[in-house]
Amino acid sequence: MNILLIFTFFIISGAVRCIDVIGYSGGSVLVDSQKLWHTDVKQYLYIWHNNKWNILIKNKDSCKWITERRFTLFCTENEHLMIFIRDLNTQDSGSYWIGVEDKWSIKMILKVKEDSCCGASQTVMVNTGQTANFTCLYSQDYKTHDKIFLKKGNEMIETVFSTTNIKKKKERLNIHEDAQNNLFSVRMTDVRSEDAGVYLCGVQIYRDSYSYSILTAVHLHIMMPPVFGDEGGSAQIICPYDPIYKSKSKELMKSSTDIKTLMEMNRLSVNDDVTASVFSVNITGLTAEDSGKYCCAVTSETDVIYLYTHLIIIIKQELLLNKRKGDNMSMECKHYAEYQKVFCKAHEVSMCVNDGVSQSVRDDGFSLSDETSTGVFTVNISHLREEHSGVYWCGSHIITKVHLNVTRVSDFSNIIVISVSVLLLMKTIMLLLNLGFIRKINKLKLPDTHNSFMY
């Protein structure tokens, strides 16, 4: 049977083309066959293993993106058949047969190398509005080859940048090559939620009848601004996504136990607005335990796209502090190591966060001491001034509202003086009243006294 199968391939293809491809363990390869996809017939991918050809992919419904595990065949805009293999390992080395039934076939020899320079994927997390930086390493052997930067979408791989077509570079993107260190860096400014996803960077190798790319994956995770909710109230976590994922599976993740418990208690409701490309989750009856990091996950054929946010709970019990000017004071704020400390002065807690970064009070008299083991950090304020009075927000994923009132010393002294004066006046009045009462009694007794002297 194996002999007949190989014989059939040769008859179909005539003079069979053989292409050589190099990849690196942990990385990916993207091969342009330079052959047409042919939507009206079936595409296939076989691998030679255990002395026989084994099916990896065989198109059943003529779709233009076919994925089986780490192997993908897809159709480009110019109708070329592309081969994409990700998460390579040395066992992937060997012979492959790619083709379109009754049209053409190609034999591909893949060699997977081990090299510290290439292959290792990266995970980059950045807040919305900030700048993301990627570093793409390549082998010394490919210094003169074209560099490319791609984004993997739903059933597509889009070229974001290529040194062969600089005009194709996207806005907010800067590329810089450091040939001496065999790398090029990518700088993406003003990051937005739709920038989240899987990027591929590497080098392009051209041959007479085909081309291929040696690629490294970069997973860009976006941290959205935090969501605030009052203890006992409700909060809505909004997860925007690229419209190309409107038909894909979406879910909110924290830990399976937390989400499952919320659903069982009917405290969680979900809505996917495909028109607006927004997936939203509403949580009611908020407690301190609901606070923490949440993840909006969109699942495509081969990857999961993540957007992260923090749910911050403002506890009901507020703190009222009355202090005198010139005094020192300390306050403890709840904190866990993995969360960013928040201590700021503002009318609203949302004003304490700008582009996902907490804004701390900047004052020479303020200092913070971290006591992670006790779950708190301490804010110390020395030489209090009147302008320190106001509303503060203190904590991390659980926030306490603090009212600080600083009173001038002179005012405080006046209060004491007035209080003492009032007390003295009252004592004086009581004394005078008592003296007058005694004199009155004495006057009433005078006649008897006079008579006694007469005798």
Protein backbone atom coordinates (compact mmCIF):
# COMPACT_ATOMS: atom_id res chain seq x y z
CA MET A 1 0.00 0.00 0.00
CA ASN A 2 2.82 2.39 0.87
CA ILE A 3 4.48 1.76 -2.50
CA LEU A 4 1.20 2.40 -4.34
CA LEU A 5 0.66 5.64 -2.41
CA ILE A 6 4.09 6.98 -3.28
CA PHE A 7 3.63 5.90 -6.88
CA THR A 8 0.34 7.80 -7.03
CA PHE A 9 2.03 10.97 -5.78
CA PHE A 10 4.65 10.77 -8.48
CA ILE A 11 2.10 10.26 -11.25
CA ILE A 12 0.08 13.27 -10.09
CA SER A 13 2.99 15.60 -9.71
CA GLY A 14 5.17 14.57 -12.61
CA ALA A 15 8.61 15.90 -11.77
CA VAL A 16 8.32 16.18 -7.98
CA ARG A 17 9.87 19.24 -6.37
CA CYS A 18 11.90 18.82 -3.18
CA ILE A 19 12.37 21.70 -0.78
CA ASP A 20 14.74 21.96 2.20
CA VAL A 21 13.63 23.82 5.34
CA ILE A 22 15.55 24.60 8.55
CA GLY A 23 13.92 25.35 11.91
CA TYR A 24 14.93 25.64 15.55
CA SER A 25 13.65 23.69 18.52
CA GLY A 26 10.93 25.68 20.32
CA GLY A 27 10.34 27.92 17.31
CA SER A 28 8.22 27.79 14.17
CA VAL A 29 8.58 27.59 10.40
CA LEU A 30 6.32 29.16 7.82
CA VAL A 31 6.75 27.80 4.28
CA ASP A 32 5.38 29.40 1.12
CA SER A 33 5.00 26.58 -1.42
CA GLN A 34 4.56 29.08 -4.27
CA LYS A 35 1.82 26.70 -5.45
CA LEU A 36 -1.91 27.42 -5.76
CA TRP A 37 -4.39 26.36 -3.07
CA HIS A 38 -7.20 25.25 -5.44
CA THR A 39 -10.37 25.72 -3.38
CA ASP A 40 -12.32 23.14 -5.40
CA VAL A 41 -10.14 20.16 -4.38
CA LYS A 42 -8.53 18.71 -1.24
CA GLN A 43 -5.18 19.61 0.34
CA TYR A 44 -3.03 17.21 2.34
CA LEU A 45 0.09 16.88 4.51
CA TYR A 46 1.84 13.55 5.19
CA ILE A 47 4.89 12.68 7.30
CA TRP A 48 7.27 9.77 6.78
CA HIS A 49 7.38 7.85 10.06
CA ASN A 50 8.08 4.20 10.93
CA ASN A 51 8.79 3.42 7.28
CA LYS A 52 5.42 4.62 6.03
CA TRP A 53 3.58 7.79 5.09
CA ASN A 54 1.22 8.93 7.87
CA ILE A 55 -1.57 11.47 7.41
CA LEU A 56 -1.15 14.68 9.39
CA ILE A 57 -3.74 16.77 7.55
CA LYS A 58 -6.33 16.02 4.88
CA ASN A 59 -8.87 18.70 4.00
CA LYS A 60 -12.44 17.42 4.23
CA ASP A 61 -14.51 20.53 3.47
CA SER A 62 -12.24 22.74 1.31
CA CYS A 63 -11.84 25.38 4.04
CA LYS A 64 -8.86 27.73 3.76
CA TRP A 65 -7.31 27.06 7.20
CA ILE A 66 -6.75 23.49 8.40
CA THR A 67 -5.07 22.77 11.74
CA GLU A 68 -4.16 19.48 13.35
CA ARG A 69 -2.23 19.86 16.60
CA ARG A 70 0.90 21.89 15.73
CA PHE A 71 0.50 21.62 11.95
CA THR A 72 -1.46 24.03 9.75
CA LEU A 73 -2.16 24.44 6.05
CA PHE A 74 -3.74 27.72 4.96
CA CYS A 75 -4.42 29.87 1.92
CA THR A 76 -2.89 33.33 1.48
CA GLU A 77 -4.44 36.39 -0.18
CA ASN A 78 -2.65 35.50 -3.42
CA GLU A 79 -4.06 31.93 -3.21
CA HIS A 80 -0.75 30.26 -2.29
CA LEU A 81 -0.68 27.20 -0.04
CA MET A 82 1.30 27.86 3.15
CA ILE A 83 2.66 25.34 5.66
CA PHE A 84 2.92 26.51 9.29
CA ILE A 85 4.52 24.27 11.95
CA ARG A 86 4.86 25.64 15.50
CA ASP A 87 6.54 24.53 18.75
CA LEU A 88 9.15 22.56 16.82
CA ASN A 89 11.19 19.78 18.38
CA THR A 90 14.00 17.65 17.00
CA GLN A 91 11.60 14.72 16.43
CA ASP A 92 9.86 16.84 13.77
CA SER A 93 12.93 16.49 11.54
CA GLY A 94 12.25 14.33 8.54
CA SER A 95 10.36 14.04 5.25
CA TYR A 96 6.92 15.54 4.53
CA TRP A 97 4.63 15.33 1.53
CA ILE A 98 2.42 18.35 0.81
CA GLY A 99 0.03 18.79 -2.08
CA VAL A 100 -3.37 19.24 -3.68
CA GLU A 101 -5.14 16.16 -5.00
CA ASP A 102 -4.95 15.79 -8.80
CA LYS A 103 -3.00 19.08 -9.05
CA TRP A 104 0.49 19.07 -7.54
CA SER A 105 2.70 17.72 -4.72
CA ILE A 106 5.95 18.68 -3.04
CA LYS A 107 8.37 16.76 -0.84
CA MET A 108 9.74 18.79 2.06
CA ILE A 109 12.83 17.86 4.09
CA LEU A 110 12.68 19.56 7.49
CA LYS A 111 15.76 19.80 9.69
CA VAL A 112 15.21 21.03 13.28
CA LYS A 113 18.31 22.34 15.06
CA GLU A 114 19.05 23.04 18.72
CA ASP A 115 20.49 26.53 19.24
CA SER A 116 20.25 28.91 22.21
CA CYS A 117 20.02 31.83 19.79
CA CYS A 118 16.59 30.94 18.48
CA GLY A 119 13.30 29.28 19.19
CA ALA A 120 12.51 30.26 22.78
CA SER A 121 9.12 31.97 22.89
CA GLN A 122 8.57 35.18 24.84
CA THR A 123 5.67 36.43 26.95
CA VAL A 124 5.31 40.20 27.22
CA MET A 125 2.72 41.86 29.48
CA VAL A 126 2.03 45.59 29.22
CA ASN A 127 -0.64 48.04 30.38
CA THR A 128 -2.89 49.73 27.84
CA GLY A 129 -1.42 53.04 26.68
CA GLN A 130 2.13 52.00 27.48
CA THR A 131 4.94 50.69 25.25
CA ALA A 132 5.68 47.03 24.51
CA ASN A 133 9.21 45.93 23.60
CA PHE A 134 10.14 42.65 21.90
CA THR A 135 13.58 41.28 21.12
CA CYS A 136 13.97 38.87 18.19
CA LEU A 137 17.18 36.83 18.02
CA TYR A 138 18.43 35.08 14.91
CA SER A 139 21.36 32.87 13.97
CA GLN A 140 24.69 34.26 12.84
CA ASP A 141 24.02 32.48 9.52
CA TYR A 142 21.14 34.84 8.69
CA LYS A 143 22.65 38.29 9.21
CA THR A 144 22.02 39.33 5.60
CA HIS A 145 18.53 37.83 5.27
CA ASP A 146 15.34 39.87 5.39
CA LYS A 147 13.75 40.33 8.81
CA ILE A 148 9.99 39.94 9.29
CA PHE A 149 7.44 40.57 12.02
CA LEU A 150 4.04 38.87 11.73
CA LYS A 151 0.82 38.67 13.72
CA LYS A 152 -1.13 35.43 13.96
CA GLY A 153 -4.87 35.99 13.77
CA ASN A 154 -7.91 33.81 13.36
CA GLU A 155 -7.23 31.71 10.24
CA MET A 156 -4.62 34.18 9.00
CA ILE A 157 -1.03 35.29 9.50
CA GLU A 158 -0.56 38.96 8.71
CA THR A 159 2.73 40.66 7.85
CA VAL A 160 3.20 43.59 10.22
CA PHE A 161 6.70 44.50 9.06
CA SER A 162 9.18 43.27 6.50
CA THR A 163 12.52 44.73 5.49
CA THR A 164 11.56 43.97 1.88
CA ASN A 165 8.47 46.17 2.20
CA ILE A 166 9.03 48.99 4.68
CA LYS A 167 5.80 50.70 3.60
CA LYS A 168 3.87 47.80 5.12
CA LYS A 169 5.01 48.75 8.62
CA LYS A 170 2.15 49.58 10.97
CA GLU A 171 1.70 52.84 12.82
CA ARG A 172 2.98 52.94 16.42
CA LEU A 173 5.71 50.44 15.46
CA ASN A 174 9.47 51.02 15.44
CA ILE A 175 12.00 48.42 14.30
CA HIS A 176 15.71 48.59 15.03
CA GLU A 177 18.28 46.00 13.98
CA ASP A 178 21.44 45.28 15.92
CA ALA A 179 23.36 43.11 13.47
CA GLN A 180 26.39 42.94 15.76
CA ASN A 181 24.36 41.03 18.35
CA ASN A 182 22.21 39.13 15.81
CA LEU A 183 18.89 40.64 16.88
CA PHE A 184 16.29 43.17 15.97
CA SER A 185 14.02 44.93 18.45
CA VAL A 186 10.39 45.87 18.04
CA ARG A 187 8.87 48.81 19.91
CA MET A 188 5.08 49.17 19.92
CA THR A 189 3.79 52.42 21.42
CA ASP A 190 0.35 53.32 22.82
CA VAL A 191 -0.64 49.65 23.21
CA ARG A 192 -4.37 48.90 22.89
CA SER A 193 -6.51 45.91 23.79
CA GLU A 194 -6.75 44.83 20.13
CA ASP A 195 -2.92 44.53 20.00
CA ALA A 196 -3.06 41.45 22.25
CA GLY A 197 -2.21 38.17 20.58
CA VAL A 198 0.59 36.03 19.18
CA TYR A 199 3.34 37.65 17.10
CA LEU A 200 6.02 35.88 15.08
CA CYS A 201 9.41 37.42 14.38
CA GLY A 202 12.36 36.05 12.47
CA VAL A 203 14.13 35.82 9.13
CA GLN A 204 12.98 35.11 5.58
CA ILE A 205 14.91 32.64 3.37
CA TYR A 206 14.26 32.79 -0.37
CA ARG A 207 14.84 29.90 -2.78
CA ASP A 208 14.26 29.57 -6.52
CA SER A 209 10.84 27.94 -6.25
CA TYR A 210 9.77 28.59 -2.63
CA SER A 211 10.55 30.57 0.51
CA TYR A 212 10.33 29.95 4.23
CA SER A 213 10.65 31.81 7.51
CA ILE A 214 12.37 30.83 10.74
CA LEU A 215 10.23 32.32 13.50
CA THR A 216 10.04 32.89 17.24
CA ALA A 217 6.68 33.38 18.97
CA VAL A 218 5.96 36.42 21.13
CA HIS A 219 2.78 36.28 23.25
CA LEU A 220 1.59 39.81 23.98
CA HIS A 221 -0.77 40.00 26.98
CA ILE A 222 -2.50 43.31 27.70
CA MET A 223 -3.29 44.54 31.21
CA MET A 224 -6.40 46.72 31.05
CA PRO A 225 -7.19 49.44 33.63
CA PRO A 226 -8.57 48.03 36.89
CA VAL A 227 -12.26 47.69 37.63
CA PHE A 228 -13.52 49.15 40.93
CA GLY A 229 -16.47 47.92 42.97
CA ASP A 230 -17.91 48.74 46.40
CA GLU A 231 -18.21 45.93 48.91
CA GLY A 232 -21.77 44.64 48.66
CA GLY A 233 -22.32 46.30 45.26
CA SER A 234 -21.65 45.14 41.69
CA ALA A 235 -18.91 45.48 39.06
CA GLN A 236 -18.69 44.89 35.32
CA ILE A 237 -15.56 43.52 33.63
CA ILE A 238 -15.52 44.52 29.95
CA CYS A 239 -13.36 42.52 27.54
CA PRO A 240 -13.00 43.98 24.01
CA TYR A 241 -11.72 41.64 21.29
CA ASP A 242 -10.78 41.70 17.62
CA PRO A 243 -13.88 41.23 15.41
CA ILE A 244 -12.20 38.26 13.72
CA TYR A 245 -12.82 36.29 16.95
CA LYS A 246 -16.56 37.01 17.17
CA SER A 247 -17.48 33.35 16.60
CA LYS A 248 -14.79 31.96 18.92
CA SER A 249 -15.12 30.70 22.49
CA LYS A 250 -14.75 33.35 25.22
CA GLU A 251 -14.59 33.07 28.98
CA LEU A 252 -13.63 34.94 32.12
CA MET A 253 -10.92 33.27 34.17
CA LYS A 254 -9.66 33.73 37.71
CA SER A 255 -9.41 30.30 39.16
CA SER A 256 -11.85 27.57 38.23
CA THR A 257 -13.12 27.39 41.82
CA ASP A 258 -13.80 31.14 42.09
CA ILE A 259 -15.69 31.39 38.79
CA LYS A 260 -17.60 28.16 39.43
CA THR A 261 -18.66 29.40 42.87
CA LEU A 262 -19.83 32.75 41.46
CA MET A 263 -21.92 30.99 38.83
CA GLU A 264 -23.43 28.56 41.33
CA MET A 265 -24.46 31.49 43.53
CA ASN A 266 -26.04 33.27 40.52
CA ARG A 267 -23.78 36.25 41.14
CA LEU A 268 -22.23 36.20 37.67
CA SER A 269 -23.89 37.01 34.32
CA VAL A 270 -22.26 36.99 30.87
CA ASN A 271 -23.03 38.87 27.65
CA ASP A 272 -21.20 38.69 24.29
CA ASP A 273 -22.06 41.64 22.04
CA VAL A 274 -20.62 40.47 18.70
CA THR A 275 -21.73 43.71 16.99
CA ALA A 276 -19.59 45.81 19.33
CA SER A 277 -16.94 43.04 19.70
CA VAL A 278 -17.23 43.23 23.49
CA PHE A 279 -17.50 40.37 25.94
CA SER A 280 -18.74 41.57 29.37
CA VAL A 281 -19.22 39.91 32.75
CA ASN A 282 -21.27 41.37 35.61
CA ILE A 283 -20.57 40.32 39.22
CA THR A 284 -23.03 41.19 42.00
CA GLY A 285 -22.89 41.07 45.81
CA LEU A 286 -19.18 41.88 45.86
CA THR A 287 -17.02 40.68 48.72
CA ALA A 288 -13.34 41.17 49.53
CA GLU A 289 -12.72 37.60 48.28
CA ASP A 290 -13.90 38.59 44.78
CA SER A 291 -10.96 40.97 44.38
CA GLY A 292 -7.87 39.98 42.38
CA LYS A 293 -6.60 39.43 38.86
CA TYR A 294 -9.06 38.32 36.19
CA CYS A 295 -8.38 37.20 32.64
CA CYS A 296 -10.57 37.53 29.55
CA ALA A 297 -9.67 34.57 27.32
CA VAL A 298 -10.53 34.21 23.62
CA THR A 299 -9.69 30.79 22.16
CA SER A 300 -8.71 30.43 18.51
CA GLU A 301 -7.68 27.25 16.65
CA THR A 302 -4.15 27.13 18.02
CA ASP A 303 -3.81 29.85 20.65
CA VAL A 304 -5.55 31.64 23.49
CA ILE A 305 -5.58 35.46 23.50
CA TYR A 306 -5.48 36.97 26.99
CA LEU A 307 -6.55 40.35 28.35
CA TYR A 308 -5.94 40.92 32.06
CA THR A 309 -7.50 43.26 34.60
CA HIS A 310 -7.72 43.67 38.36
CA LEU A 311 -10.98 43.82 40.28
CA ILE A 312 -10.41 46.18 43.21
CA ILE A 313 -12.90 46.12 46.08
CA ILE A 314 -13.47 49.24 48.22
CA ILE A 315 -14.42 48.03 51.68
CA LYS A 316 -17.36 49.64 53.50
CA GLN A 317 -15.53 50.53 56.69
CA GLU A 318 -13.81 53.90 56.27
CA LEU A 319 -11.00 55.26 58.44
CA LEU A 320 -11.22 58.71 60.10
CA LEU A 321 -7.99 60.22 61.44
CA ASN A 322 -7.79 63.52 63.35
CA LYS A 323 -4.25 64.80 63.84
CA ARG A 324 -2.43 67.98 64.85
CA LYS A 325 -0.09 69.95 62.63
CA GLY A 326 3.53 68.87 63.14
CA ASP A 327 2.63 65.39 64.43
CA ASN A 328 3.81 62.12 62.87
CA MET A 329 1.42 59.33 61.94
CA SER A 330 1.30 55.81 60.47
CA MET A 331 -1.45 53.82 58.77
CA GLU A 332 -1.54 50.19 57.64
CA CYS A 333 -2.87 49.19 54.21
CA LYS A 334 -3.82 45.70 53.02
CA HIS A 335 -1.41 44.30 50.46
CA TYR A 336 -0.33 41.11 48.67
CA ALA A 337 3.02 40.74 46.94
CA GLU A 338 1.65 40.15 43.43
CA TYR A 339 -0.47 43.32 43.46
CA GLN A 340 0.63 46.90 42.97
CA LYS A 341 0.50 49.09 46.06
CA VAL A 342 -1.95 51.99 45.93
CA PHE A 343 -1.68 55.02 48.19
CA CYS A 344 -2.88 58.32 46.84
CA LYS A 345 -4.90 61.42 47.61
CA ALA A 346 -8.00 61.93 45.43
CA HIS A 347 -11.73 62.50 45.60
CA GLU A 348 -12.40 59.27 43.66
CA VAL A 349 -10.41 56.03 43.72
CA SER A 350 -10.41 55.87 39.89
CA MET A 351 -8.26 59.02 39.90
CA CYS A 352 -5.54 57.01 41.64
CA VAL A 353 -4.85 54.94 38.52
CA ASN A 354 -3.55 56.29 35.24
CA ASP A 355 -3.17 53.82 32.35
CA GLY A 356 -3.15 50.94 34.80
CA VAL A 357 -0.38 52.35 37.01
CA SER A 358 -1.12 53.40 40.57
CA GLN A 359 -0.28 56.99 41.45
CA SER A 360 1.46 57.31 44.81
CA VAL A 361 1.56 60.48 46.87
CA ARG A 362 4.79 62.33 46.14
CA ASP A 363 5.91 64.14 49.29
CA ASP A 364 9.22 64.22 51.17
CA GLY A 365 7.37 63.51 54.40
CA PHE A 366 5.82 60.28 53.10
CA SER A 367 7.46 56.86 53.23
CA LEU A 368 6.23 53.30 52.67
CA SER A 369 7.50 50.17 54.43
CA ASP A 370 6.50 46.80 52.96
CA GLU A 371 5.61 43.96 55.32
CA THR A 372 4.51 41.30 52.83
CA SER A 373 4.54 38.47 55.37
CA THR A 374 1.84 40.23 57.39
CA GLY A 375 -0.21 41.20 54.32
CA VAL A 376 0.17 44.94 54.89
CA PHE A 377 2.33 47.88 53.93
CA THR A 378 2.68 50.85 56.28
CA VAL A 379 2.46 54.49 55.24
CA ASN A 380 4.42 56.87 57.47
CA ILE A 381 3.83 60.63 57.38
CA SER A 382 6.13 62.94 59.30
CA HIS A 383 5.56 66.59 60.25
CA LEU A 384 1.92 66.77 59.19
CA ARG A 385 0.77 69.96 57.49
CA GLU A 386 -2.71 71.36 56.96
CA GLU A 387 -2.53 70.59 53.23
CA HIS A 388 -2.19 66.89 54.10
CA SER A 389 -5.87 66.94 55.05
CA GLY A 390 -8.12 65.16 52.56
CA VAL A 391 -9.31 61.80 51.24
CA TYR A 392 -6.76 59.03 50.72
CA TRP A 393 -7.03 55.54 49.19
CA CYS A 394 -4.86 52.87 50.70
CA GLY A 395 -4.30 49.19 49.77
CA SER A 396 -3.79 46.99 46.70
CA HIS A 397 -6.66 44.80 45.47
CA ILE A 398 -8.63 45.70 48.61
CA ILE A 399 -8.83 49.47 49.18
CA THR A 400 -9.65 51.45 52.33
CA LYS A 401 -10.93 55.02 52.14
CA VAL A 402 -9.11 57.25 54.66
CA HIS A 403 -10.26 60.71 55.83
CA LEU A 404 -7.33 62.65 57.28
CA ASN A 405 -8.00 65.92 59.15
CA VAL A 406 -4.98 67.93 60.26
CA THR A 407 -5.73 70.76 62.74
CA ARG A 408 -3.44 73.71 63.37
CA VAL A 409 -1.72 73.76 66.78
CA SER A 410 -2.93 77.33 67.47
CA ASP A 411 -6.51 76.27 66.87
CA PHE A 412 -6.02 73.33 69.16
CA SER A 413 -4.48 75.58 71.83
CA ASN A 414 -7.33 78.05 71.52
CA ILE A 415 -9.78 75.27 72.10
CA ILE A 416 -7.91 74.31 75.26
CA VAL A 417 -7.68 77.94 76.46
CA ILE A 418 -11.36 78.55 75.86
CA SER A 419 -12.25 75.29 77.57
CA VAL A 420 -10.09 76.14 80.61
CA SER A 421 -11.48 79.68 80.72
CA VAL A 422 -15.04 78.41 80.70
CA LEU A 423 -14.25 76.02 83.51
CA LEU A 424 -12.59 78.75 85.57
CA LEU A 425 -15.52 81.09 84.96
CA MET A 426 -17.96 78.45 86.07
CA LYS A 427 -15.94 77.80 89.21
CA THR A 428 -15.81 81.55 89.94
CA ILE A 429 -19.55 81.92 89.54
CA MET A 430 -20.14 78.96 91.81
CA LEU A 431 -17.76 80.43 94.38
CA LEU A 432 -19.46 83.82 94.28
CA LEU A 433 -22.85 82.25 94.63
CA ASN A 434 -21.67 80.22 97.57
CA LEU A 435 -20.18 83.32 99.27
CA GLY A 436 -23.38 85.29 98.81
CA PHE A 437 -25.42 82.46 100.27
CA ILE A 438 -23.16 82.30 103.34
CA ARG A 439 -23.40 86.09 103.97
CA LYS A 440 -27.15 85.95 103.77
CA ILE A 441 -27.23 83.28 106.44
CA ASN A 442 -24.85 85.27 108.64
CA LYS A 443 -27.07 88.38 108.41
CA LEU A 444 -30.05 86.38 109.59
CA LYS A 445 -28.11 85.26 112.67
CA LEU A 446 -26.80 88.76 113.69
CA PRO A 447 -29.74 89.81 116.02
CA ASP A 448 -29.35 86.80 118.24
CA THR A 449 -25.66 87.41 118.48
CA HIS A 450 -26.21 91.11 119.46
CA ASN A 451 -28.69 90.16 122.18
CA SER A 452 -26.29 87.77 123.70
CA PHE A 453 -23.76 90.56 124.11
CA MET A 454 -26.36 92.71 125.88
CA TYR A 455 -26.53 90.26 128.70
